[in-house]
Amino acid sequence: MRTTPLLHHCPSVRLALYDGVERAYRLDDPGACPHSGTPNSPASAYEPRVHLAYLLARQGHRPDWLAAFADLPPAAAHRLAHAAAHHRAATATAA
């Protein structure tokens, strides 16, 4: 049985994609975070291109390349790269 901590926070970042509406996009895949599998809502959404770009940014890919590869607006790619850099720094200090 899978248990979910009461105060769990799935990582997310606020982005405006091509529809122009800024919303929180979940960064973990639906199987990794207990709340990532929940349906999209105005408060939080899962977009596979955002997840892919975040994973690639964590591997060090540049925002301009991420925008072109994942078909994301440049500003969204920059925010994802910033979130990925923050994740890498937090992971490095925890090790």
C-alpha atoms as a PDB file:
ATOM      1  CA  MET A   1       0.000   0.000   0.000  1.00  0.00           C
ATOM      2  CA  ARG A   2       1.290   3.424  -0.939  1.00  0.00           C
ATOM      3  CA  THR A   3       1.191   6.039   1.778  1.00  0.00           C
ATOM      4  CA  THR A   4       1.242   9.752   1.100  1.00  0.00           C
ATOM      5  CA  PRO A   5       2.755  12.202   3.576  1.00  0.00           C
ATOM      6  CA  LEU A   6       0.214  14.814   4.616  1.00  0.00           C
ATOM      7  CA  LEU A   7       2.460  17.761   3.812  1.00  0.00           C
ATOM      8  CA  HIS A   8       3.917  16.494   0.550  1.00  0.00           C
ATOM      9  CA  HIS A   9       4.644  19.176  -2.044  1.00  0.00           C
ATOM     10  CA  CYS A  10       5.088  18.136  -5.666  1.00  0.00           C
ATOM     11  CA  PRO A  11       7.645  20.367  -7.390  1.00  0.00           C
ATOM     12  CA  SER A  12       6.103  22.789  -9.847  1.00  0.00           C
ATOM     13  CA  VAL A  13       6.914  26.003 -11.672  1.00  0.00           C
ATOM     14  CA  ARG A  14       4.623  28.754 -12.919  1.00  0.00           C
ATOM     15  CA  LEU A  15       4.776  29.065 -16.709  1.00  0.00           C
ATOM     16  CA  ALA A  16       2.821  30.648 -19.526  1.00  0.00           C
ATOM     17  CA  LEU A  17       2.845  28.387 -22.561  1.00  0.00           C
ATOM     18  CA  TYR A  18       1.420  29.287 -25.970  1.00  0.00           C
ATOM     19  CA  ASP A  19      -2.120  29.830 -24.631  1.00  0.00           C
ATOM     20  CA  GLY A  20      -0.732  32.800 -22.653  1.00  0.00           C
ATOM     21  CA  VAL A  21      -2.259  31.706 -19.340  1.00  0.00           C
ATOM     22  CA  GLU A  22       0.224  31.407 -16.493  1.00  0.00           C
ATOM     23  CA  ARG A  23      -0.341  28.357 -14.312  1.00  0.00           C
ATOM     24  CA  ALA A  24       1.647  25.952 -12.176  1.00  0.00           C
ATOM     25  CA  TYR A  25       3.017  22.982 -14.102  1.00  0.00           C
ATOM     26  CA  ARG A  26       4.074  19.892 -12.157  1.00  0.00           C
ATOM     27  CA  LEU A  27       7.664  18.859 -12.812  1.00  0.00           C
ATOM     28  CA  ASP A  28       7.584  15.224 -11.699  1.00  0.00           C
ATOM     29  CA  ASP A  29       6.147  12.472 -13.822  1.00  0.00           C
ATOM     30  CA  PRO A  30       2.767  11.093 -12.711  1.00  0.00           C
ATOM     31  CA  GLY A  31       4.332   7.950 -11.213  1.00  0.00           C
ATOM     32  CA  ALA A  32       6.948   9.691  -9.074  1.00  0.00           C
ATOM     33  CA  CYS A  33       4.848  12.157  -7.109  1.00  0.00           C
ATOM     34  CA  PRO A  34       1.700  11.100  -5.250  1.00  0.00           C
ATOM     35  CA  HIS A  35      -0.213  14.142  -6.505  1.00  0.00           C
ATOM     36  CA  SER A  36       1.191  14.304 -10.055  1.00  0.00           C
ATOM     37  CA  GLY A  37      -1.383  11.834 -11.325  1.00  0.00           C
ATOM     38  CA  THR A  38      -4.259  14.085 -10.346  1.00  0.00           C
ATOM     39  CA  PRO A  39      -6.229  15.642 -13.202  1.00  0.00           C
ATOM     40  CA  ASN A  40      -5.168  18.965 -14.649  1.00  0.00           C
ATOM     41  CA  SER A  41      -6.877  21.908 -13.042  1.00  0.00           C
ATOM     42  CA  PRO A  42      -6.554  25.691 -13.204  1.00  0.00           C
ATOM     43  CA  ALA A  43      -4.293  25.462 -10.142  1.00  0.00           C
ATOM     44  CA  SER A  44      -1.911  22.759 -11.403  1.00  0.00           C
ATOM     45  CA  ALA A  45      -1.268  20.922 -14.651  1.00  0.00           C
ATOM     46  CA  TYR A  46       0.950  18.167 -16.008  1.00  0.00           C
ATOM     47  CA  GLU A  47       2.335  18.776 -19.495  1.00  0.00           C
ATOM     48  CA  PRO A  48       4.698  16.130 -20.921  1.00  0.00           C
ATOM     49  CA  ARG A  49       6.747  18.735 -22.845  1.00  0.00           C
ATOM     50  CA  VAL A  50       7.366  20.669 -19.617  1.00  0.00           C
ATOM     51  CA  HIS A  51       8.418  17.489 -17.824  1.00  0.00           C
ATOM     52  CA  LEU A  52      10.740  16.522 -20.693  1.00  0.00           C
ATOM     53  CA  ALA A  53      12.333  19.980 -20.832  1.00  0.00           C
ATOM     54  CA  TYR A  54      12.835  19.967 -17.060  1.00  0.00           C
ATOM     55  CA  LEU A  55      14.590  16.590 -17.165  1.00  0.00           C
ATOM     56  CA  LEU A  56      16.826  17.750 -20.013  1.00  0.00           C
ATOM     57  CA  ALA A  57      17.568  21.020 -18.188  1.00  0.00           C
ATOM     58  CA  ARG A  58      18.628  18.998 -15.134  1.00  0.00           C
ATOM     59  CA  GLN A  59      21.154  17.316 -17.433  1.00  0.00           C
ATOM     60  CA  GLY A  60      22.550  20.743 -18.343  1.00  0.00           C
ATOM     61  CA  HIS A  61      20.888  21.581 -21.664  1.00  0.00           C
ATOM     62  CA  ARG A  62      20.633  25.275 -22.485  1.00  0.00           C
ATOM     63  CA  PRO A  63      17.304  27.153 -22.415  1.00  0.00           C
ATOM     64  CA  ASP A  64      17.420  28.110 -26.114  1.00  0.00           C
ATOM     65  CA  TRP A  65      17.909  24.471 -27.099  1.00  0.00           C
ATOM     66  CA  LEU A  66      15.150  23.351 -24.708  1.00  0.00           C
ATOM     67  CA  ALA A  67      12.714  25.870 -26.215  1.00  0.00           C
ATOM     68  CA  ALA A  68      13.372  24.607 -29.730  1.00  0.00           C
ATOM     69  CA  PHE A  69      13.469  20.910 -28.861  1.00  0.00           C
ATOM     70  CA  ALA A  70      10.368  20.825 -26.635  1.00  0.00           C
ATOM     71  CA  ASP A  71       8.461  23.514 -28.561  1.00  0.00           C
ATOM     72  CA  LEU A  72       8.186  25.815 -25.552  1.00  0.00           C
ATOM     73  CA  PRO A  73       8.241  29.611 -25.355  1.00  0.00           C
ATOM     74  CA  PRO A  74      11.763  30.887 -24.560  1.00  0.00           C
ATOM     75  CA  ALA A  75      10.640  32.419 -21.240  1.00  0.00           C
ATOM     76  CA  ALA A  76       9.212  29.061 -20.129  1.00  0.00           C
ATOM     77  CA  ALA A  77      12.450  27.285 -21.071  1.00  0.00           C
ATOM     78  CA  HIS A  78      14.459  29.812 -19.037  1.00  0.00           C
ATOM     79  CA  ARG A  79      12.243  29.269 -15.981  1.00  0.00           C
ATOM     80  CA  LEU A  80      12.616  25.509 -16.316  1.00  0.00           C
ATOM     81  CA  ALA A  81      16.403  25.843 -16.598  1.00  0.00           C
ATOM     82  CA  HIS A  82      16.402  28.004 -13.453  1.00  0.00           C
ATOM     83  CA  ALA A  83      14.300  25.415 -11.578  1.00  0.00           C
ATOM     84  CA  ALA A  84      16.648  22.659 -12.770  1.00  0.00           C
ATOM     85  CA  ALA A  85      19.709  24.607 -11.619  1.00  0.00           C
ATOM     86  CA  HIS A  86      18.078  25.058  -8.211  1.00  0.00           C
ATOM     87  CA  HIS A  87      17.416  21.294  -8.075  1.00  0.00           C
ATOM     88  CA  ARG A  88      21.028  20.494  -9.017  1.00  0.00           C
ATOM     89  CA  ALA A  89      22.341  22.875  -6.319  1.00  0.00           C
ATOM     90  CA  ALA A  90      20.033  21.382  -3.671  1.00  0.00           C
ATOM     91  CA  THR A  91      21.028  17.854  -4.671  1.00  0.00           C
ATOM     92  CA  ALA A  92      24.746  18.727  -4.569  1.00  0.00           C
ATOM     93  CA  THR A  93      24.533  20.191  -1.052  1.00  0.00           C
ATOM     94  CA  ALA A  94      22.520  17.208   0.208  1.00  0.00           C
ATOM     95  CA  ALA A  95      25.155  14.728  -0.994  1.00  0.00           C
END
